[in-house]
Structures are given as structure tokens and as C-alpha cells.
Amino acid sequence: MKRGDAKAQNISYAGELGRKAIHLCSMVIPISAWHLERLDTLILLGVLLAISLLADVERFRAGPIGHFIRTYLSFMIRPHERNARAGIFALTGSTWMLVSAIITFAVFPKSIAVAAFSMLILCDTVAALVGRRFGRIRFGPKQKSLEGSAAFFAVGLMVAATVPGIPFAAGVAGALVATIAEALPWKLDDNFSVPLSGGLAMLSVIQLLGA
């Protein structure tokens, strides 16, 4: 549900900017994780996930927290995140991001986890804004824009080149697989699928190279 998806257009460009501003603030996670031990990182992410889950629950309730979210933040919430189905509340992208962060930093070596999660944040932000503003060539069931996907891949390469310990070939593989995962028409939230698929691609290439 990003820049090429028709449903993404149900939030305004201002709403997209707001979402991506929050997205960019999430860079504190990989930056902090680089300097923390794995356990400390997971504890921090667990606390953030608990807060995000609480917000997801409260926005469907009549209390002050839910009222605040519905009044001031609803313009950034996508349609599929607003509506509960079969009595089950929907998770926002931020909650899915934190779930994927816990798995990513628990499973992968630090350099791969930092690169994969930074790709999610930076690539997705640039791709969404480029695609919404400049996207002309559409492809696939989700009608992604070629311009947005190209921006996603380019930023992914830059992220991989910046993180120490990521060989060039692994960085290319991670950026490419993450780009494909973001465009695929599966039902998984891409905040969940992108870092895990990109991280797995990088780990696989590093192991093949014996690096």
C-alpha cells in the first residue's frame, strides 16, 4: 500500500509527508542499534512495540488517546489501517515496522540488520515521495511506479555502501530483493517483508562469498 497503489491515494500528499516524517524518525533505531548490544536493542524495540500496540488498540476506543489519534493523526492513516475486521483491530505500518525490527535484529548479524532496516526506512520514504509526485510508468497488480521503484533501489545501494561490513555484491542483492519485495502484490505489510527479505538476501550472498 504505497506510492503506486490506488488505495494509497486515499491519503493526501500531506498525509504521505507526515507518514514519511515519522518513518525518517525511525532511523534512530538502526543508529542506536549500531552502538548497543543485541539484548539492549531488543528491549528498546519491545518497549516501542508495546507503545505502538497500545496506540493501535486505543484508536478504536472512546478514550482520550483514541480521540487524539482520530482527531489529529487520522489524515496519515491509510484506509486499510482504519477499519477493524471481524472484531480484530488493524495494525498500523509503524507497528508492523517494529515487529519486523525485532525479528530483523534478533536474527541477523548487526551490520545486515542495520542495513536492512535502514533500507526500509530510507528507501521506502524516497520511493513513496518520488512515486507519488513523479510516478508515470505503472506496473504490476499494485500499480507501482517504475520511478518510485528505481528510487527505492538506488537509495538501497547507497545504504548498503554506507554500512560497514556489507560486501558490494551483498548490498546489490539486498537492495534488489527489497525493491522486489516492496512491489510484490502479497498481503504482507511491506514494513514487515522488506527488511526481512533484504536481510536474508544479504546474508545469503555473504555466506556464499564466505565473507
C-alpha atoms as a PDB file:
ATOM      1  CA  MET A   1       0.000   0.000   0.000  1.00  0.00           C
ATOM      2  CA  LYS A   2       2.492   2.605  -1.160  1.00  0.00           C
ATOM      3  CA  ARG A   3       3.043   5.197  -3.830  1.00  0.00           C
ATOM      4  CA  GLY A   4       1.709   3.198  -6.780  1.00  0.00           C
ATOM      5  CA  ASP A   5      -1.257   1.581  -5.096  1.00  0.00           C
ATOM      6  CA  ALA A   6      -4.582   3.199  -5.894  1.00  0.00           C
ATOM      7  CA  LYS A   7      -5.655   2.940  -2.280  1.00  0.00           C
ATOM      8  CA  ALA A   8      -2.587   4.869  -1.195  1.00  0.00           C
ATOM      9  CA  GLN A   9      -4.078   7.853  -2.989  1.00  0.00           C
ATOM     10  CA  ASN A  10      -6.836   7.950  -0.374  1.00  0.00           C
ATOM     11  CA  ILE A  11      -4.482   9.863   1.881  1.00  0.00           C
ATOM     12  CA  SER A  12      -3.252  13.240   0.713  1.00  0.00           C
ATOM     13  CA  TYR A  13       0.319  14.070  -0.221  1.00  0.00           C
ATOM     14  CA  ALA A  14       0.474  15.997   3.068  1.00  0.00           C
ATOM     15  CA  GLY A  15      -0.568  12.803   4.825  1.00  0.00           C
ATOM     16  CA  GLU A  16       2.160  10.927   2.964  1.00  0.00           C
ATOM     17  CA  LEU A  17       4.684  13.547   4.044  1.00  0.00           C
ATOM     18  CA  GLY A  18       3.559  13.137   7.639  1.00  0.00           C
ATOM     19  CA  ARG A  19       3.908   9.360   7.485  1.00  0.00           C
ATOM     20  CA  LYS A  20       7.358   9.620   5.973  1.00  0.00           C
ATOM     21  CA  ALA A  21       8.480  12.190   8.539  1.00  0.00           C
ATOM     22  CA  ILE A  22       7.643   9.643  11.230  1.00  0.00           C
ATOM     23  CA  HIS A  23       9.333   6.986   9.100  1.00  0.00           C
ATOM     24  CA  LEU A  24      12.533   9.027   8.986  1.00  0.00           C
ATOM     25  CA  CYS A  25      12.470   9.487  12.756  1.00  0.00           C
ATOM     26  CA  SER A  26      12.676   5.695  12.949  1.00  0.00           C
ATOM     27  CA  MET A  27      16.302   5.966  11.802  1.00  0.00           C
ATOM     28  CA  VAL A  28      17.051   6.346  15.498  1.00  0.00           C
ATOM     29  CA  ILE A  29      16.515   2.567  15.684  1.00  0.00           C
ATOM     30  CA  PRO A  30      19.359   1.386  13.403  1.00  0.00           C
ATOM     31  CA  ILE A  31      21.628   4.203  14.578  1.00  0.00           C
ATOM     32  CA  SER A  32      21.091   3.238  18.219  1.00  0.00           C
ATOM     33  CA  ALA A  33      21.322  -0.478  17.457  1.00  0.00           C
ATOM     34  CA  TRP A  34      24.745   0.024  15.906  1.00  0.00           C
ATOM     35  CA  HIS A  35      26.049   1.187  19.283  1.00  0.00           C
ATOM     36  CA  LEU A  36      24.033  -1.149  21.533  1.00  0.00           C
ATOM     37  CA  GLU A  37      24.298  -4.807  22.424  1.00  0.00           C
ATOM     38  CA  ARG A  38      21.690  -7.053  20.805  1.00  0.00           C
ATOM     39  CA  LEU A  39      19.753  -7.582  24.047  1.00  0.00           C
ATOM     40  CA  ASP A  40      19.560  -3.851  24.746  1.00  0.00           C
ATOM     41  CA  THR A  41      18.318  -3.241  21.209  1.00  0.00           C
ATOM     42  CA  LEU A  42      15.608  -5.883  21.563  1.00  0.00           C
ATOM     43  CA  ILE A  43      14.475  -4.484  24.918  1.00  0.00           C
ATOM     44  CA  LEU A  44      14.209  -0.994  23.408  1.00  0.00           C
ATOM     45  CA  LEU A  45      12.252  -2.341  20.441  1.00  0.00           C
ATOM     46  CA  GLY A  46       9.975  -4.330  22.745  1.00  0.00           C
ATOM     47  CA  VAL A  47       9.075  -1.179  24.670  1.00  0.00           C
ATOM     48  CA  LEU A  48       8.385   0.737  21.451  1.00  0.00           C
ATOM     49  CA  LEU A  49       6.263  -2.121  20.120  1.00  0.00           C
ATOM     50  CA  ALA A  50       4.197  -2.185  23.305  1.00  0.00           C
ATOM     51  CA  ILE A  51       3.541   1.553  22.971  1.00  0.00           C
ATOM     52  CA  SER A  52       2.608   1.201  19.297  1.00  0.00           C
ATOM     53  CA  LEU A  53       0.256  -1.705  20.016  1.00  0.00           C
ATOM     54  CA  LEU A  54      -1.387   0.306  22.783  1.00  0.00           C
ATOM     55  CA  ALA A  55      -1.954   3.173  20.344  1.00  0.00           C
ATOM     56  CA  ASP A  56      -3.428   0.754  17.801  1.00  0.00           C
ATOM     57  CA  VAL A  57      -5.874  -0.572  20.385  1.00  0.00           C
ATOM     58  CA  GLU A  58      -6.776   2.825  21.804  1.00  0.00           C
ATOM     59  CA  ARG A  59      -7.560   4.428  18.449  1.00  0.00           C
ATOM     60  CA  PHE A  60     -10.592   2.135  18.201  1.00  0.00           C
ATOM     61  CA  ARG A  61     -11.783   3.074  21.684  1.00  0.00           C
ATOM     62  CA  ALA A  62     -13.579   6.110  23.047  1.00  0.00           C
ATOM     63  CA  GLY A  63     -10.878   7.261  25.469  1.00  0.00           C
ATOM     64  CA  PRO A  64      -8.678  10.358  25.238  1.00  0.00           C
ATOM     65  CA  ILE A  65      -5.840   8.592  23.415  1.00  0.00           C
ATOM     66  CA  GLY A  66      -8.168   7.293  20.729  1.00  0.00           C
ATOM     67  CA  HIS A  67      -9.820  10.696  20.423  1.00  0.00           C
ATOM     68  CA  PHE A  68      -6.434  12.387  19.969  1.00  0.00           C
ATOM     69  CA  ILE A  69      -5.349   9.909  17.285  1.00  0.00           C
ATOM     70  CA  ARG A  70      -8.621  10.143  15.379  1.00  0.00           C
ATOM     71  CA  THR A  71      -8.702  13.945  15.592  1.00  0.00           C
ATOM     72  CA  TYR A  72      -5.106  14.845  14.812  1.00  0.00           C
ATOM     73  CA  LEU A  73      -3.438  11.844  13.170  1.00  0.00           C
ATOM     74  CA  SER A  74      -6.131  10.170  11.079  1.00  0.00           C
ATOM     75  CA  PHE A  75      -5.033  12.047   7.923  1.00  0.00           C
ATOM     76  CA  MET A  76      -1.866   9.899   7.957  1.00  0.00           C
ATOM     77  CA  ILE A  77      -3.644   6.572   8.476  1.00  0.00           C
ATOM     78  CA  ARG A  78      -4.372   4.526   5.372  1.00  0.00           C
ATOM     79  CA  PRO A  79      -7.891   3.147   4.796  1.00  0.00           C
ATOM     80  CA  HIS A  80      -6.908  -0.480   5.442  1.00  0.00           C
ATOM     81  CA  GLU A  81      -5.396   0.579   8.784  1.00  0.00           C
ATOM     82  CA  ARG A  82      -8.510   2.443   9.919  1.00  0.00           C
ATOM     83  CA  ASN A  83     -11.073  -0.314   9.841  1.00  0.00           C
ATOM     84  CA  ALA A  84     -11.355  -3.281  12.159  1.00  0.00           C
ATOM     85  CA  ARG A  85     -12.440  -6.511  10.500  1.00  0.00           C
ATOM     86  CA  ALA A  86     -14.299  -9.359  12.215  1.00  0.00           C
ATOM     87  CA  GLY A  87     -13.756  -7.630  15.538  1.00  0.00           C
ATOM     88  CA  ILE A  88      -9.973  -7.587  15.119  1.00  0.00           C
ATOM     89  CA  PHE A  89      -8.304  -4.186  15.100  1.00  0.00           C
ATOM     90  CA  ALA A  90      -5.954  -3.362  12.227  1.00  0.00           C
ATOM     91  CA  LEU A  91      -2.284  -2.690  12.832  1.00  0.00           C
ATOM     92  CA  THR A  92      -0.677   0.465  11.505  1.00  0.00           C
ATOM     93  CA  GLY A  93       2.502   0.436   9.440  1.00  0.00           C
ATOM     94  CA  SER A  94       4.513   1.624  12.449  1.00  0.00           C
ATOM     95  CA  THR A  95       3.516  -1.449  14.438  1.00  0.00           C
ATOM     96  CA  TRP A  96       4.403  -3.777  11.577  1.00  0.00           C
ATOM     97  CA  MET A  97       7.721  -1.941  11.300  1.00  0.00           C
ATOM     98  CA  LEU A  98       8.538  -2.597  14.947  1.00  0.00           C
ATOM     99  CA  VAL A  99       7.554  -6.263  14.671  1.00  0.00           C
ATOM    100  CA  SER A 100       9.909  -6.632  11.712  1.00  0.00           C
ATOM    101  CA  ALA A 101      12.613  -4.698  13.579  1.00  0.00           C
ATOM    102  CA  ILE A 102      12.535  -7.149  16.485  1.00  0.00           C
ATOM    103  CA  ILE A 103      12.835 -10.123  14.139  1.00  0.00           C
ATOM    104  CA  THR A 104      15.492  -8.438  11.990  1.00  0.00           C
ATOM    105  CA  PHE A 105      17.757  -7.500  14.891  1.00  0.00           C
ATOM    106  CA  ALA A 106      17.188 -10.843  16.625  1.00  0.00           C
ATOM    107  CA  VAL A 107      18.007 -12.981  13.585  1.00  0.00           C
ATOM    108  CA  PHE A 108      20.632 -11.180  11.509  1.00  0.00           C
ATOM    109  CA  PRO A 109      24.164 -10.013  12.341  1.00  0.00           C
ATOM    110  CA  LYS A 110      24.292  -6.357  13.325  1.00  0.00           C
ATOM    111  CA  SER A 111      25.642  -4.988  10.026  1.00  0.00           C
ATOM    112  CA  ILE A 112      22.983  -6.789   7.990  1.00  0.00           C
ATOM    113  CA  ALA A 113      20.183  -5.826  10.377  1.00  0.00           C
ATOM    114  CA  VAL A 114      21.208  -2.166  10.347  1.00  0.00           C
ATOM    115  CA  ALA A 115      21.464  -2.127   6.546  1.00  0.00           C
ATOM    116  CA  ALA A 116      18.157  -3.970   6.016  1.00  0.00           C
ATOM    117  CA  PHE A 117      16.203  -1.801   8.424  1.00  0.00           C
ATOM    118  CA  SER A 118      17.774   1.406   7.111  1.00  0.00           C
ATOM    119  CA  MET A 119      16.737   0.330   3.610  1.00  0.00           C
ATOM    120  CA  LEU A 120      13.152   0.013   4.795  1.00  0.00           C
ATOM    121  CA  ILE A 121      13.141   3.499   6.278  1.00  0.00           C
ATOM    122  CA  LEU A 122      15.112   5.466   3.696  1.00  0.00           C
ATOM    123  CA  CYS A 123      14.209   3.590   0.509  1.00  0.00           C
ATOM    124  CA  ASP A 124      10.517   3.468   1.324  1.00  0.00           C
ATOM    125  CA  THR A 125      10.458   7.164   2.176  1.00  0.00           C
ATOM    126  CA  VAL A 126      12.156   8.274  -1.036  1.00  0.00           C
ATOM    127  CA  ALA A 127      10.193   5.813  -3.192  1.00  0.00           C
ATOM    128  CA  ALA A 128       6.845   6.913  -1.776  1.00  0.00           C
ATOM    129  CA  LEU A 129       7.507  10.607  -2.290  1.00  0.00           C
ATOM    130  CA  VAL A 130       9.092  10.193  -5.741  1.00  0.00           C
ATOM    131  CA  GLY A 131       6.360   7.823  -6.866  1.00  0.00           C
ATOM    132  CA  ARG A 132       3.503   9.992  -5.621  1.00  0.00           C
ATOM    133  CA  ARG A 133       4.948  13.132  -7.198  1.00  0.00           C
ATOM    134  CA  PHE A 134       6.716  11.914 -10.342  1.00  0.00           C
ATOM    135  CA  GLY A 135       5.459   8.377 -10.999  1.00  0.00           C
ATOM    136  CA  ARG A 136       4.190   7.946 -14.559  1.00  0.00           C
ATOM    137  CA  ILE A 137       5.060   4.391 -15.639  1.00  0.00           C
ATOM    138  CA  ARG A 138       2.951   1.864 -13.709  1.00  0.00           C
ATOM    139  CA  PHE A 139       3.417  -1.873 -13.472  1.00  0.00           C
ATOM    140  CA  GLY A 140       2.117  -4.932 -11.651  1.00  0.00           C
ATOM    141  CA  PRO A 141      -1.131  -5.646  -9.790  1.00  0.00           C
ATOM    142  CA  LYS A 142      -0.361  -2.962  -7.196  1.00  0.00           C
ATOM    143  CA  GLN A 143       0.309  -0.401  -9.945  1.00  0.00           C
ATOM    144  CA  LYS A 144       3.645   0.638  -8.523  1.00  0.00           C
ATOM    145  CA  SER A 145       5.584   3.306 -10.382  1.00  0.00           C
ATOM    146  CA  LEU A 146       8.832   2.475 -12.144  1.00  0.00           C
ATOM    147  CA  GLU A 147      10.212   5.833 -10.986  1.00  0.00           C
ATOM    148  CA  GLY A 148       9.486   5.052  -7.343  1.00  0.00           C
ATOM    149  CA  SER A 149      10.967   1.556  -7.559  1.00  0.00           C
ATOM    150  CA  ALA A 150      14.086   2.910  -9.265  1.00  0.00           C
ATOM    151  CA  ALA A 151      14.481   5.438  -6.455  1.00  0.00           C
ATOM    152  CA  PHE A 152      13.996   2.633  -3.912  1.00  0.00           C
ATOM    153  CA  PHE A 153      16.767   0.554  -5.491  1.00  0.00           C
ATOM    154  CA  ALA A 154      19.180   3.487  -5.857  1.00  0.00           C
ATOM    155  CA  VAL A 155      18.818   4.514  -2.224  1.00  0.00           C
ATOM    156  CA  GLY A 156      19.188   0.864  -1.199  1.00  0.00           C
ATOM    157  CA  LEU A 157      22.544   0.712  -2.943  1.00  0.00           C
ATOM    158  CA  MET A 158      23.662   3.868  -1.144  1.00  0.00           C
ATOM    159  CA  VAL A 159      22.559   2.468   2.219  1.00  0.00           C
ATOM    160  CA  ALA A 160      24.427  -0.796   1.650  1.00  0.00           C
ATOM    161  CA  ALA A 161      27.556   1.088   0.611  1.00  0.00           C
ATOM    162  CA  THR A 162      27.411   3.162   3.796  1.00  0.00           C
ATOM    163  CA  VAL A 163      27.060   0.364   6.356  1.00  0.00           C
ATOM    164  CA  PRO A 164      30.409  -1.243   7.286  1.00  0.00           C
ATOM    165  CA  GLY A 165      30.682  -4.976   6.746  1.00  0.00           C
ATOM    166  CA  ILE A 166      28.367  -5.260   3.739  1.00  0.00           C
ATOM    167  CA  PRO A 167      30.181  -6.516   0.587  1.00  0.00           C
ATOM    168  CA  PHE A 168      29.174  -4.842  -2.663  1.00  0.00           C
ATOM    169  CA  ALA A 169      27.535  -7.951  -4.119  1.00  0.00           C
ATOM    170  CA  ALA A 170      25.530  -8.484  -0.932  1.00  0.00           C
ATOM    171  CA  GLY A 171      24.417  -4.855  -0.969  1.00  0.00           C
ATOM    172  CA  VAL A 172      23.224  -5.128  -4.572  1.00  0.00           C
ATOM    173  CA  ALA A 173      21.331  -8.328  -3.762  1.00  0.00           C
ATOM    174  CA  GLY A 174      19.763  -6.825  -0.655  1.00  0.00           C
ATOM    175  CA  ALA A 175      18.666  -3.653  -2.441  1.00  0.00           C
ATOM    176  CA  LEU A 176      17.270  -5.605  -5.404  1.00  0.00           C
ATOM    177  CA  VAL A 177      15.344  -8.144  -3.317  1.00  0.00           C
ATOM    178  CA  ALA A 178      13.985  -5.404  -1.034  1.00  0.00           C
ATOM    179  CA  THR A 179      12.816  -3.466  -4.114  1.00  0.00           C
ATOM    180  CA  ILE A 180      11.043  -6.533  -5.455  1.00  0.00           C
ATOM    181  CA  ALA A 181       9.503  -7.309  -2.056  1.00  0.00           C
ATOM    182  CA  GLU A 182       8.118  -3.766  -1.857  1.00  0.00           C
ATOM    183  CA  ALA A 183       6.455  -4.159  -5.263  1.00  0.00           C
ATOM    184  CA  LEU A 184       5.080  -7.690  -4.954  1.00  0.00           C
ATOM    185  CA  PRO A 185       1.283  -7.977  -4.612  1.00  0.00           C
ATOM    186  CA  TRP A 186       1.306 -10.132  -1.490  1.00  0.00           C
ATOM    187  CA  LYS A 187      -0.776  -9.311   1.550  1.00  0.00           C
ATOM    188  CA  LEU A 188       2.149  -8.905   3.912  1.00  0.00           C
ATOM    189  CA  ASP A 189       2.746  -5.322   5.011  1.00  0.00           C
ATOM    190  CA  ASP A 190       5.933  -4.167   3.300  1.00  0.00           C
ATOM    191  CA  ASN A 191       7.162  -2.695   6.588  1.00  0.00           C
ATOM    192  CA  PHE A 192       7.385  -6.353   7.593  1.00  0.00           C
ATOM    193  CA  SER A 193       8.515  -8.002   4.354  1.00  0.00           C
ATOM    194  CA  VAL A 194      11.127  -5.541   3.087  1.00  0.00           C
ATOM    195  CA  PRO A 195      13.764  -5.700   5.865  1.00  0.00           C
ATOM    196  CA  LEU A 196      13.413  -9.453   6.318  1.00  0.00           C
ATOM    197  CA  SER A 197      13.705 -10.267   2.613  1.00  0.00           C
ATOM    198  CA  GLY A 198      16.527  -7.764   2.071  1.00  0.00           C
ATOM    199  CA  GLY A 199      18.372  -9.037   5.129  1.00  0.00           C
ATOM    200  CA  LEU A 200      18.003 -12.654   4.024  1.00  0.00           C
ATOM    201  CA  ALA A 201      19.349 -11.797   0.566  1.00  0.00           C
ATOM    202  CA  MET A 202      22.412 -10.066   2.027  1.00  0.00           C
ATOM    203  CA  LEU A 203      23.075 -12.903   4.471  1.00  0.00           C
ATOM    204  CA  SER A 204      22.796 -15.498   1.694  1.00  0.00           C
ATOM    205  CA  VAL A 205      25.277 -13.696  -0.553  1.00  0.00           C
ATOM    206  CA  ILE A 206      27.720 -13.114   2.308  1.00  0.00           C
ATOM    207  CA  GLN A 207      27.614 -16.809   3.162  1.00  0.00           C
ATOM    208  CA  LEU A 208      28.104 -17.779  -0.491  1.00  0.00           C
ATOM    209  CA  LEU A 209      31.097 -15.452  -0.698  1.00  0.00           C
ATOM    210  CA  GLY A 210      32.470 -16.776   2.564  1.00  0.00           C
ATOM    211  CA  ALA A 211      32.879 -13.180   3.743  1.00  0.00           C
END
